[in-house]
Amino acid sequence: MCYARHMNKSKLQDLVEDGHTQREISKRTGLSQSTIRYWLKKHNLATAAAAGRNKKHSCLCGETDSSKFYGHRKSLCKTCDNQRVVKKNRNNMSWAREQKGNACQHCGYNEYQSALCFHHLNPNEKDPNATNMSGWSRKRLKREIEKCILLCSNCHIAHHSNELQF
């Protein structure tokens, strides 16, 4: 029988069930990998490696639609991954505020943490990407906040409008 014209489904299925890869089946039959892929698809078969690649996505939230998963993320859908990043960034900023005492270093305000800002003492030393520092590593974040003081929104605005001097 000539495999190039027709590959016997039962023989191919036996090789797949024995756990052989497309490359191994190619060597055993003397056919090219593309021919093996053709016949696997034609007979609706898949090697174990290919079956693993085509495995359905499943997220903790229950999402299974593969279009809602990032290419490099196998276990989190886009929504859950975004929530993970937001949580990580909030934790980073909370940690950074703790490093500076969790209170305005001018008036002592500490009621709402979201009202506390990092003010660079020397604007020339400020990292140009400092607006995105919530997503930085703790090491990089620590280096940047060492150049800052923690101010409440009122003191920060008053300083920038020259009503408050340090």
Foldseek 3Di string as FASTA:
>chain_A
DDVQVPDDPVVLVVCQVVQDALVRVCVVVVHDSVSNVVNCVVSVHHHPVVCVVVDFAAEPVGDGPPVQCDPVDRHHGPVRVVVVQVVQLVVLLVVLCVVQPQAAPPPGDRDDSVQKDWDFPDPVPADPPVVPCSNPDSVVSVVRSVRTHIHGNVQVVCVVVVNDDD
